[in-house]
Amino acid sequence: MSSEDQNENEVNEDGPGVNGDLASWLYVLGGIPMMIIFFVVLFGVVGSCDSQNVMLHG
């Protein structure tokens, strides 16, 4: 049995592992809430400007 046949038979049936490095935790704990806050503030500003008929130039 060659090494190529042996590599084809070795399959990780557990799926991908958990990536527990610092960057992934900072993204989940900091990045996602910041994106939510950003979009809430953005749509809030656009909605308040729309209700006062203010044109945002850009």
Protein backbone atom coordinates (compact mmCIF):
# COMPACT_ATOMS: atom_id res chain seq x y z
CA MET A 1 0.00 0.00 0.00
CA SER A 2 1.55 3.29 -1.10
CA SER A 3 1.62 6.49 0.93
CA GLU A 4 -0.90 8.11 -1.45
CA ASP A 5 -3.45 5.35 -0.75
CA GLN A 6 -2.88 5.71 2.99
CA ASN A 7 -3.43 9.50 2.85
CA GLU A 8 -6.70 9.04 0.96
CA ASN A 9 -8.01 6.64 3.62
CA GLU A 10 -7.23 9.02 6.52
CA VAL A 11 -10.32 11.21 6.78
CA ASN A 12 -11.05 13.55 9.66
CA GLU A 13 -14.57 12.50 10.58
CA ASP A 14 -14.79 14.97 13.48
CA GLY A 15 -14.92 17.98 11.14
CA PRO A 16 -12.90 21.12 11.53
CA GLY A 17 -11.54 21.91 14.96
CA VAL A 18 -12.31 24.95 17.08
CA ASN A 19 -10.05 27.88 16.32
CA GLY A 20 -9.44 29.34 19.76
CA ASP A 21 -6.82 31.99 19.06
CA LEU A 22 -7.00 35.55 20.37
CA ALA A 23 -8.01 37.18 17.08
CA SER A 24 -11.09 34.98 16.68
CA TRP A 25 -12.26 35.67 20.25
CA LEU A 26 -11.71 39.42 19.83
CA TYR A 27 -13.72 39.32 16.60
CA VAL A 28 -16.63 37.49 18.20
CA LEU A 29 -16.68 39.43 21.47
CA GLY A 30 -15.79 42.84 20.06
CA GLY A 31 -16.29 42.98 16.32
CA ILE A 32 -19.81 41.64 15.97
CA PRO A 33 -21.33 43.85 18.72
CA MET A 34 -19.52 46.88 17.27
CA MET A 35 -20.99 46.16 13.82
CA ILE A 36 -24.47 45.91 15.35
CA ILE A 37 -24.01 49.21 17.20
CA PHE A 38 -22.66 50.85 14.03
CA PHE A 39 -25.67 49.84 11.93
CA VAL A 40 -28.16 50.81 14.64
CA VAL A 41 -26.58 54.27 14.91
CA LEU A 42 -26.32 54.60 11.12
CA PHE A 43 -29.97 53.77 10.50
CA GLY A 44 -30.97 55.93 13.45
CA VAL A 45 -29.16 58.96 11.99
CA VAL A 46 -30.59 58.32 8.53
CA GLY A 47 -34.10 57.90 9.97
CA SER A 48 -33.89 61.08 12.04
CA CYS A 49 -32.54 63.08 9.08
CA ASP A 50 -35.29 61.67 6.88
CA SER A 51 -37.98 62.66 9.37
CA GLN A 52 -36.64 66.23 9.45
CA ASN A 53 -36.20 66.33 5.65
CA VAL A 54 -32.45 66.92 5.92
CA MET A 55 -30.40 65.95 2.85
CA LEU A 56 -27.14 64.15 3.64
CA HIS A 57 -24.58 65.17 1.01
CA GLY A 58 -22.06 62.58 0.10
